[in-house]
Amino acid sequence: MAAGKQWIGGIHAVQELLRRDDADISELRLLKGRKGSRFEELQFQARRRGIAISEASREQMDAEVGGNHQGVAALVRERQRVNPDEGELFSLIESLDHPPLLLILDSITDPHNLGACLRSADAAGVDAVIIPKDKAVGLNATVRKVASGAAETVMLVVVTNLARCLDGLKERGVWLVGTADDAEQPLFDQDLKGAIALVMGSEGSGLRRLTREKCDFLIHIPMAGAVSSLNVSVATGVTLFEAIRQRRLA
């Protein structure tokens, strides 16, 4: 594989990549002998864009693509915006012509959850997603597959010191709204219309102590059923779109 390129597998992920004119795809690879209308449509879209098409055995695809590729993969150039420090993030905040909406993911370790969160962030028009460098999953092939193209569109900022980044955001007028199951304030009663960073905790233990202490507000998602909490990627989607609802009514 050429440097700076990566295989992204899965029918839906490849469909989304082919749909995006800005996705830099150099090759579409199909499992040898795989037929069907969905695969024919993928080949049609690839030919329309002048993308090379190849076939490979299952053993080769398993080795090169990995994971559940569903018999199709796209070779893409890694073009995601990843910044190891917060300098570009702060520059972005200061240049926006609207109150920033940011998403902070504190120690998310499951790549499926990170991919789903990126996809929700893209759908909600989040200005940037912030993750810590250590004790968290990075942007790997599984994340990109689940994100279905969002990894190429969302500004993903990787910071070495999350607490310092949170302080920097607060200095620039961004309110930090953390989610916690034991918080007294319900999500739907919290004002999310201004400069906001929504802070989501890890899958098991939630927000780390220092991250929680840095938050200006703590909220919970009201639960009406027997289940006491939501998966972090689902909770992220619910929280983001409540923020979008409020901001559109403002």
C-alpha atoms as a PDB file:
ATOM      1  CA  MET A   1       0.000   0.000   0.000  1.00  0.00           C
ATOM      2  CA  ALA A   2       1.286   3.466  -0.860  1.00  0.00           C
ATOM      3  CA  ALA A   3       2.276   5.756   1.987  1.00  0.00           C
ATOM      4  CA  GLY A   4      -0.542   7.976   3.195  1.00  0.00           C
ATOM      5  CA  LYS A   5      -3.233   5.653   1.880  1.00  0.00           C
ATOM      6  CA  GLN A   6      -5.592   3.287   3.647  1.00  0.00           C
ATOM      7  CA  TRP A   7      -8.176   0.657   2.722  1.00  0.00           C
ATOM      8  CA  ILE A   8     -11.705   1.429   3.930  1.00  0.00           C
ATOM      9  CA  GLY A   9     -14.004  -1.590   3.768  1.00  0.00           C
ATOM     10  CA  GLY A  10     -17.761  -2.067   3.945  1.00  0.00           C
ATOM     11  CA  ILE A  11     -20.572  -1.460   1.476  1.00  0.00           C
ATOM     12  CA  HIS A  12     -22.074   1.573   3.179  1.00  0.00           C
ATOM     13  CA  ALA A  13     -18.724   3.199   3.931  1.00  0.00           C
ATOM     14  CA  VAL A  14     -17.589   2.811   0.323  1.00  0.00           C
ATOM     15  CA  GLN A  15     -20.934   4.103  -0.968  1.00  0.00           C
ATOM     16  CA  GLU A  16     -20.526   7.238   1.113  1.00  0.00           C
ATOM     17  CA  LEU A  17     -16.946   7.746  -0.042  1.00  0.00           C
ATOM     18  CA  LEU A  18     -17.927   7.408  -3.700  1.00  0.00           C
ATOM     19  CA  ARG A  19     -20.757   9.840  -3.150  1.00  0.00           C
ATOM     20  CA  ARG A  20     -18.368  12.494  -1.853  1.00  0.00           C
ATOM     21  CA  ASP A  21     -16.639  14.365  -4.674  1.00  0.00           C
ATOM     22  CA  ASP A  22     -13.836  15.405  -2.307  1.00  0.00           C
ATOM     23  CA  ALA A  23     -12.920  11.843  -1.294  1.00  0.00           C
ATOM     24  CA  ASP A  24      -9.533  10.970  -2.830  1.00  0.00           C
ATOM     25  CA  ILE A  25     -10.093   7.354  -3.953  1.00  0.00           C
ATOM     26  CA  SER A  26      -7.468   5.676  -6.104  1.00  0.00           C
ATOM     27  CA  GLU A  27      -8.867   2.138  -6.301  1.00  0.00           C
ATOM     28  CA  LEU A  28     -12.066   0.156  -5.748  1.00  0.00           C
ATOM     29  CA  ARG A  29     -11.460  -3.453  -4.828  1.00  0.00           C
ATOM     30  CA  LEU A  30     -14.116  -6.168  -4.973  1.00  0.00           C
ATOM     31  CA  LEU A  31     -14.132  -9.722  -3.736  1.00  0.00           C
ATOM     32  CA  LYS A  32     -13.591 -12.021  -6.732  1.00  0.00           C
ATOM     33  CA  GLY A  33     -16.891 -13.402  -7.977  1.00  0.00           C
ATOM     34  CA  ARG A  34     -19.058 -11.075  -5.872  1.00  0.00           C
ATOM     35  CA  LYS A  35     -22.146  -9.980  -7.824  1.00  0.00           C
ATOM     36  CA  GLY A  36     -25.332  -8.079  -7.156  1.00  0.00           C
ATOM     37  CA  SER A  37     -26.976  -4.728  -7.829  1.00  0.00           C
ATOM     38  CA  ARG A  38     -25.161  -2.925  -5.020  1.00  0.00           C
ATOM     39  CA  PHE A  39     -21.769  -4.025  -6.326  1.00  0.00           C
ATOM     40  CA  GLU A  40     -22.720  -3.084  -9.877  1.00  0.00           C
ATOM     41  CA  GLU A  41     -23.705   0.381  -8.676  1.00  0.00           C
ATOM     42  CA  LEU A  42     -20.385   0.783  -6.865  1.00  0.00           C
ATOM     43  CA  GLN A  43     -18.527  -0.167 -10.044  1.00  0.00           C
ATOM     44  CA  PHE A  44     -20.618   2.253 -12.082  1.00  0.00           C
ATOM     45  CA  GLN A  45     -19.826   5.115  -9.688  1.00  0.00           C
ATOM     46  CA  ALA A  46     -16.139   4.214  -9.703  1.00  0.00           C
ATOM     47  CA  ARG A  47     -15.976   4.140 -13.531  1.00  0.00           C
ATOM     48  CA  ARG A  48     -17.809   7.466 -13.680  1.00  0.00           C
ATOM     49  CA  ARG A  49     -15.054   9.007 -11.573  1.00  0.00           C
ATOM     50  CA  GLY A  50     -12.220   7.240 -13.377  1.00  0.00           C
ATOM     51  CA  ILE A  51     -11.300   5.106 -10.367  1.00  0.00           C
ATOM     52  CA  ALA A  52      -9.421   1.873 -11.025  1.00  0.00           C
ATOM     53  CA  ILE A  53     -11.338  -1.335 -10.210  1.00  0.00           C
ATOM     54  CA  SER A  54      -9.678  -4.587  -9.175  1.00  0.00           C
ATOM     55  CA  GLU A  55     -10.670  -7.980  -7.777  1.00  0.00           C
ATOM     56  CA  ALA A  56      -8.998  -9.990  -5.040  1.00  0.00           C
ATOM     57  CA  SER A  57      -9.438 -13.281  -3.236  1.00  0.00           C
ATOM     58  CA  ARG A  58     -10.999 -13.382   0.215  1.00  0.00           C
ATOM     59  CA  GLU A  59      -7.620 -14.201   1.745  1.00  0.00           C
ATOM     60  CA  GLN A  60      -6.025 -11.145   0.144  1.00  0.00           C
ATOM     61  CA  MET A  61      -8.853  -8.827   1.149  1.00  0.00           C
ATOM     62  CA  ASP A  62      -8.873 -10.154   4.706  1.00  0.00           C
ATOM     63  CA  ALA A  63      -5.137  -9.555   4.930  1.00  0.00           C
ATOM     64  CA  GLU A  64      -5.066  -6.073   3.361  1.00  0.00           C
ATOM     65  CA  VAL A  65      -8.399  -4.618   4.434  1.00  0.00           C
ATOM     66  CA  GLY A  66      -9.155  -6.529   7.625  1.00  0.00           C
ATOM     67  CA  GLY A  67     -12.407  -6.467   9.534  1.00  0.00           C
ATOM     68  CA  ASN A  68     -15.817  -7.078   8.033  1.00  0.00           C
ATOM     69  CA  HIS A  69     -15.194  -5.628   4.566  1.00  0.00           C
ATOM     70  CA  GLN A  70     -18.346  -7.217   3.046  1.00  0.00           C
ATOM     71  CA  GLY A  71     -16.449  -7.904  -0.163  1.00  0.00           C
ATOM     72  CA  VAL A  72     -15.680  -4.310  -1.087  1.00  0.00           C
ATOM     73  CA  ALA A  73     -13.055  -1.724  -0.156  1.00  0.00           C
ATOM     74  CA  ALA A  74     -11.791   1.650  -1.349  1.00  0.00           C
ATOM     75  CA  LEU A  75      -8.173   2.772  -1.235  1.00  0.00           C
ATOM     76  CA  VAL A  76      -8.228   6.378  -0.048  1.00  0.00           C
ATOM     77  CA  ARG A  77      -5.658   9.020   0.694  1.00  0.00           C
ATOM     78  CA  GLU A  78      -5.653  10.009   4.350  1.00  0.00           C
ATOM     79  CA  ARG A  79      -6.740  13.625   4.268  1.00  0.00           C
ATOM     80  CA  GLN A  80      -8.274  14.042   7.717  1.00  0.00           C
ATOM     81  CA  ARG A  81      -7.286  17.155   9.629  1.00  0.00           C
ATOM     82  CA  VAL A  82      -5.509  15.926  12.748  1.00  0.00           C
ATOM     83  CA  ASN A  83      -3.632  18.455  14.834  1.00  0.00           C
ATOM     84  CA  PRO A  84      -1.547  17.232  17.782  1.00  0.00           C
ATOM     85  CA  ASP A  85      -1.957  20.483  19.699  1.00  0.00           C
ATOM     86  CA  GLU A  86      -4.725  22.995  20.219  1.00  0.00           C
ATOM     87  CA  GLY A  87      -3.253  25.892  18.220  1.00  0.00           C
ATOM     88  CA  GLU A  88      -5.328  25.274  15.088  1.00  0.00           C
ATOM     89  CA  LEU A  89      -8.428  24.691  17.194  1.00  0.00           C
ATOM     90  CA  PHE A  90      -8.100  28.063  18.932  1.00  0.00           C
ATOM     91  CA  SER A  91      -7.482  29.784  15.610  1.00  0.00           C
ATOM     92  CA  LEU A  92     -10.649  28.206  14.237  1.00  0.00           C
ATOM     93  CA  ILE A  93     -12.738  29.360  17.206  1.00  0.00           C
ATOM     94  CA  GLU A  94     -11.526  32.929  16.832  1.00  0.00           C
ATOM     95  CA  SER A  95     -12.273  32.964  13.085  1.00  0.00           C
ATOM     96  CA  LEU A  96     -15.839  31.614  13.183  1.00  0.00           C
ATOM     97  CA  ASP A  97     -18.757  33.904  12.371  1.00  0.00           C
ATOM     98  CA  HIS A  98     -21.058  31.918  14.661  1.00  0.00           C
ATOM     99  CA  PRO A  99     -20.889  30.545  18.218  1.00  0.00           C
ATOM    100  CA  PRO A 100     -18.749  27.393  18.055  1.00  0.00           C
ATOM    101  CA  LEU A 101     -20.256  23.982  18.659  1.00  0.00           C
ATOM    102  CA  LEU A 102     -17.539  21.546  19.704  1.00  0.00           C
ATOM    103  CA  LEU A 103     -17.557  17.893  20.738  1.00  0.00           C
ATOM    104  CA  ILE A 104     -15.049  16.587  23.286  1.00  0.00           C
ATOM    105  CA  LEU A 105     -14.695  12.823  23.702  1.00  0.00           C
ATOM    106  CA  ASP A 106     -12.915  11.941  26.926  1.00  0.00           C
ATOM    107  CA  SER A 107     -11.086   8.605  26.664  1.00  0.00           C
ATOM    108  CA  ILE A 108     -13.309   6.796  24.162  1.00  0.00           C
ATOM    109  CA  THR A 109     -11.627   3.425  23.612  1.00  0.00           C
ATOM    110  CA  ASP A 110     -14.048   1.615  21.280  1.00  0.00           C
ATOM    111  CA  PRO A 111     -13.353   2.433  17.594  1.00  0.00           C
ATOM    112  CA  HIS A 112     -16.987   1.763  16.696  1.00  0.00           C
ATOM    113  CA  ASN A 113     -18.091   4.412  19.194  1.00  0.00           C
ATOM    114  CA  LEU A 114     -15.584   6.959  17.939  1.00  0.00           C
ATOM    115  CA  GLY A 115     -16.623   6.327  14.341  1.00  0.00           C
ATOM    116  CA  ALA A 116     -20.303   6.720  15.209  1.00  0.00           C
ATOM    117  CA  CYS A 117     -19.567   9.923  17.148  1.00  0.00           C
ATOM    118  CA  LEU A 118     -17.701  11.379  14.161  1.00  0.00           C
ATOM    119  CA  ARG A 119     -20.620  10.533  11.915  1.00  0.00           C
ATOM    120  CA  SER A 120     -23.054  12.282  14.272  1.00  0.00           C
ATOM    121  CA  ALA A 121     -20.700  15.251  14.536  1.00  0.00           C
ATOM    122  CA  ASP A 122     -20.605  15.581  10.747  1.00  0.00           C
ATOM    123  CA  ALA A 123     -24.398  15.349  10.529  1.00  0.00           C
ATOM    124  CA  ALA A 124     -24.823  18.010  13.216  1.00  0.00           C
ATOM    125  CA  GLY A 125     -22.295  20.381  11.649  1.00  0.00           C
ATOM    126  CA  VAL A 126     -19.930  20.343  14.621  1.00  0.00           C
ATOM    127  CA  ASP A 127     -16.999  22.721  14.143  1.00  0.00           C
ATOM    128  CA  ALA A 128     -14.422  20.361  15.671  1.00  0.00           C
ATOM    129  CA  VAL A 129     -14.091  17.117  17.609  1.00  0.00           C
ATOM    130  CA  ILE A 130     -11.436  16.931  20.313  1.00  0.00           C
ATOM    131  CA  ILE A 131      -9.934  13.720  21.680  1.00  0.00           C
ATOM    132  CA  PRO A 132      -6.971  13.030  23.976  1.00  0.00           C
ATOM    133  CA  LYS A 133      -3.855  11.439  22.532  1.00  0.00           C
ATOM    134  CA  ASP A 134      -3.419   8.909  25.351  1.00  0.00           C
ATOM    135  CA  LYS A 135      -5.803   6.304  26.788  1.00  0.00           C
ATOM    136  CA  ALA A 136      -8.172   6.646  23.837  1.00  0.00           C
ATOM    137  CA  VAL A 137      -8.630   5.085  20.428  1.00  0.00           C
ATOM    138  CA  GLY A 138      -7.117   6.922  17.470  1.00  0.00           C
ATOM    139  CA  LEU A 139      -8.277   7.262  13.890  1.00  0.00           C
ATOM    140  CA  ASN A 140      -7.854   3.732  12.540  1.00  0.00           C
ATOM    141  CA  ALA A 141      -9.495   1.783   9.714  1.00  0.00           C
ATOM    142  CA  THR A 142     -12.421   0.638  11.862  1.00  0.00           C
ATOM    143  CA  VAL A 143     -13.157   4.193  12.959  1.00  0.00           C
ATOM    144  CA  ARG A 144     -13.068   5.408   9.370  1.00  0.00           C
ATOM    145  CA  LYS A 145     -15.345   2.607   8.196  1.00  0.00           C
ATOM    146  CA  VAL A 146     -17.971   3.287  10.865  1.00  0.00           C
ATOM    147  CA  ALA A 147     -17.689   7.045  10.285  1.00  0.00           C
ATOM    148  CA  SER A 148     -18.705   6.474   6.625  1.00  0.00           C
ATOM    149  CA  GLY A 149     -16.759   9.424   5.258  1.00  0.00           C
ATOM    150  CA  ALA A 150     -17.064  11.713   8.279  1.00  0.00           C
ATOM    151  CA  ALA A 151     -13.410  11.098   9.180  1.00  0.00           C
ATOM    152  CA  GLU A 152     -12.502  13.031   6.032  1.00  0.00           C
ATOM    153  CA  THR A 153     -14.796  15.989   6.739  1.00  0.00           C
ATOM    154  CA  VAL A 154     -14.793  16.599  10.488  1.00  0.00           C
ATOM    155  CA  MET A 155     -11.899  18.544  12.004  1.00  0.00           C
ATOM    156  CA  LEU A 156     -10.427  16.079  14.509  1.00  0.00           C
ATOM    157  CA  VAL A 157      -8.045  17.620  17.033  1.00  0.00           C
ATOM    158  CA  VAL A 158      -5.822  15.296  19.071  1.00  0.00           C
ATOM    159  CA  VAL A 159      -4.456  16.954  22.218  1.00  0.00           C
ATOM    160  CA  THR A 160      -1.704  15.768  24.540  1.00  0.00           C
ATOM    161  CA  ASN A 161      -3.196  17.484  27.595  1.00  0.00           C
ATOM    162  CA  LEU A 162      -6.996  17.567  27.604  1.00  0.00           C
ATOM    163  CA  ALA A 163      -7.263  19.559  30.849  1.00  0.00           C
ATOM    164  CA  ARG A 164      -5.057  22.314  29.423  1.00  0.00           C
ATOM    165  CA  CYS A 165      -7.134  22.363  26.248  1.00  0.00           C
ATOM    166  CA  LEU A 166     -10.325  22.733  28.295  1.00  0.00           C
ATOM    167  CA  ASP A 167      -8.809  25.711  30.114  1.00  0.00           C
ATOM    168  CA  GLY A 168      -7.894  27.251  26.763  1.00  0.00           C
ATOM    169  CA  LEU A 169     -11.452  26.848  25.503  1.00  0.00           C
ATOM    170  CA  LYS A 170     -12.867  28.491  28.632  1.00  0.00           C
ATOM    171  CA  GLU A 171     -10.471  31.411  28.228  1.00  0.00           C
ATOM    172  CA  ARG A 172     -11.952  31.919  24.765  1.00  0.00           C
ATOM    173  CA  GLY A 173     -15.518  32.055  26.030  1.00  0.00           C
ATOM    174  CA  VAL A 174     -16.547  28.462  25.351  1.00  0.00           C
ATOM    175  CA  TRP A 175     -18.819  26.923  27.974  1.00  0.00           C
ATOM    176  CA  LEU A 176     -18.103  23.281  28.810  1.00  0.00           C
ATOM    177  CA  VAL A 177     -21.205  21.112  29.194  1.00  0.00           C
ATOM    178  CA  GLY A 178     -20.415  17.628  30.475  1.00  0.00           C
ATOM    179  CA  THR A 179     -22.701  14.623  30.578  1.00  0.00           C
ATOM    180  CA  ALA A 180     -23.013  12.478  33.700  1.00  0.00           C
ATOM    181  CA  ASP A 181     -25.674  10.017  34.775  1.00  0.00           C
ATOM    182  CA  ASP A 182     -25.785  11.529  38.280  1.00  0.00           C
ATOM    183  CA  ALA A 183     -26.092  15.163  37.138  1.00  0.00           C
ATOM    184  CA  GLU A 184     -29.171  17.015  38.419  1.00  0.00           C
ATOM    185  CA  GLN A 185     -29.782  19.166  35.329  1.00  0.00           C
ATOM    186  CA  PRO A 186     -31.696  17.456  32.487  1.00  0.00           C
ATOM    187  CA  LEU A 187     -30.323  17.906  28.971  1.00  0.00           C
ATOM    188  CA  PHE A 188     -33.502  19.567  27.729  1.00  0.00           C
ATOM    189  CA  ASP A 189     -33.352  22.292  30.417  1.00  0.00           C
ATOM    190  CA  GLN A 190     -29.775  23.304  29.610  1.00  0.00           C
ATOM    191  CA  ASP A 191     -29.117  26.341  27.401  1.00  0.00           C
ATOM    192  CA  LEU A 192     -26.977  25.104  24.488  1.00  0.00           C
ATOM    193  CA  LYS A 193     -27.325  28.094  22.157  1.00  0.00           C
ATOM    194  CA  GLY A 194     -24.017  29.903  22.730  1.00  0.00           C
ATOM    195  CA  ALA A 195     -20.371  28.925  22.410  1.00  0.00           C
ATOM    196  CA  ILE A 196     -20.572  25.346  23.641  1.00  0.00           C
ATOM    197  CA  ALA A 197     -18.344  22.306  23.939  1.00  0.00           C
ATOM    198  CA  LEU A 198     -20.247  19.124  24.737  1.00  0.00           C
ATOM    199  CA  VAL A 199     -18.092  16.775  26.788  1.00  0.00           C
ATOM    200  CA  MET A 200     -18.833  13.036  26.633  1.00  0.00           C
ATOM    201  CA  GLY A 201     -17.213  10.470  28.910  1.00  0.00           C
ATOM    202  CA  SER A 202     -15.798   7.025  28.250  1.00  0.00           C
ATOM    203  CA  GLU A 203     -17.944   3.949  27.705  1.00  0.00           C
ATOM    204  CA  GLY A 204     -17.538   2.546  31.207  1.00  0.00           C
ATOM    205  CA  SER A 205     -16.516   5.115  33.795  1.00  0.00           C
ATOM    206  CA  GLY A 206     -17.775   8.293  32.149  1.00  0.00           C
ATOM    207  CA  LEU A 207     -15.919  11.577  32.578  1.00  0.00           C
ATOM    208  CA  ARG A 208     -12.567  11.479  34.304  1.00  0.00           C
ATOM    209  CA  ARG A 209     -12.418  13.398  37.593  1.00  0.00           C
ATOM    210  CA  LEU A 210     -10.355  16.340  36.299  1.00  0.00           C
ATOM    211  CA  THR A 211     -12.401  16.605  33.111  1.00  0.00           C
ATOM    212  CA  ARG A 212     -15.601  16.659  35.156  1.00  0.00           C
ATOM    213  CA  GLU A 213     -14.224  19.371  37.446  1.00  0.00           C
ATOM    214  CA  LYS A 214     -13.386  21.544  34.435  1.00  0.00           C
ATOM    215  CA  CYS A 215     -17.000  21.471  33.159  1.00  0.00           C
ATOM    216  CA  ASP A 216     -19.140  24.555  33.752  1.00  0.00           C
ATOM    217  CA  PHE A 217     -22.351  22.521  33.679  1.00  0.00           C
ATOM    218  CA  LEU A 218     -23.231  18.859  34.116  1.00  0.00           C
ATOM    219  CA  ILE A 219     -26.337  17.405  32.489  1.00  0.00           C
ATOM    220  CA  HIS A 220     -28.024  14.033  32.151  1.00  0.00           C
ATOM    221  CA  ILE A 221     -30.258  12.566  29.457  1.00  0.00           C
ATOM    222  CA  PRO A 222     -33.652  11.749  31.005  1.00  0.00           C
ATOM    223  CA  MET A 223     -34.401   8.027  30.764  1.00  0.00           C
ATOM    224  CA  ALA A 224     -38.004   6.812  30.860  1.00  0.00           C
ATOM    225  CA  GLY A 225     -37.398   3.064  30.551  1.00  0.00           C
ATOM    226  CA  ALA A 226     -35.668   0.368  32.545  1.00  0.00           C
ATOM    227  CA  VAL A 227     -32.243   1.032  31.014  1.00  0.00           C
ATOM    228  CA  SER A 228     -30.283   3.529  33.104  1.00  0.00           C
ATOM    229  CA  SER A 229     -27.959   4.906  30.445  1.00  0.00           C
ATOM    230  CA  LEU A 230     -27.245   5.076  26.706  1.00  0.00           C
ATOM    231  CA  ASN A 231     -24.223   3.976  24.714  1.00  0.00           C
ATOM    232  CA  VAL A 232     -21.833   6.925  24.392  1.00  0.00           C
ATOM    233  CA  SER A 233     -22.314   7.227  20.628  1.00  0.00           C
ATOM    234  CA  VAL A 234     -26.112   7.272  21.005  1.00  0.00           C
ATOM    235  CA  ALA A 235     -25.877   9.770  23.875  1.00  0.00           C
ATOM    236  CA  THR A 236     -23.625  11.941  21.705  1.00  0.00           C
ATOM    237  CA  GLY A 237     -26.191  11.994  18.894  1.00  0.00           C
ATOM    238  CA  VAL A 238     -29.054  12.854  21.255  1.00  0.00           C
ATOM    239  CA  THR A 239     -27.082  15.650  22.920  1.00  0.00           C
ATOM    240  CA  LEU A 240     -25.769  17.143  19.680  1.00  0.00           C
ATOM    241  CA  PHE A 241     -29.164  17.330  18.048  1.00  0.00           C
ATOM    242  CA  GLU A 242     -30.754  18.884  21.111  1.00  0.00           C
ATOM    243  CA  ALA A 243     -28.098  21.586  20.774  1.00  0.00           C
ATOM    244  CA  ILE A 244     -28.925  21.963  17.070  1.00  0.00           C
ATOM    245  CA  ARG A 245     -32.646  22.184  17.848  1.00  0.00           C
ATOM    246  CA  GLN A 246     -32.093  24.989  20.345  1.00  0.00           C
ATOM    247  CA  ARG A 247     -29.689  26.889  18.126  1.00  0.00           C
ATOM    248  CA  ARG A 248     -32.084  26.847  15.175  1.00  0.00           C
ATOM    249  CA  LEU A 249     -34.851  28.276  17.351  1.00  0.00           C
ATOM    250  CA  ALA A 250     -32.651  31.057  18.705  1.00  0.00           C
END
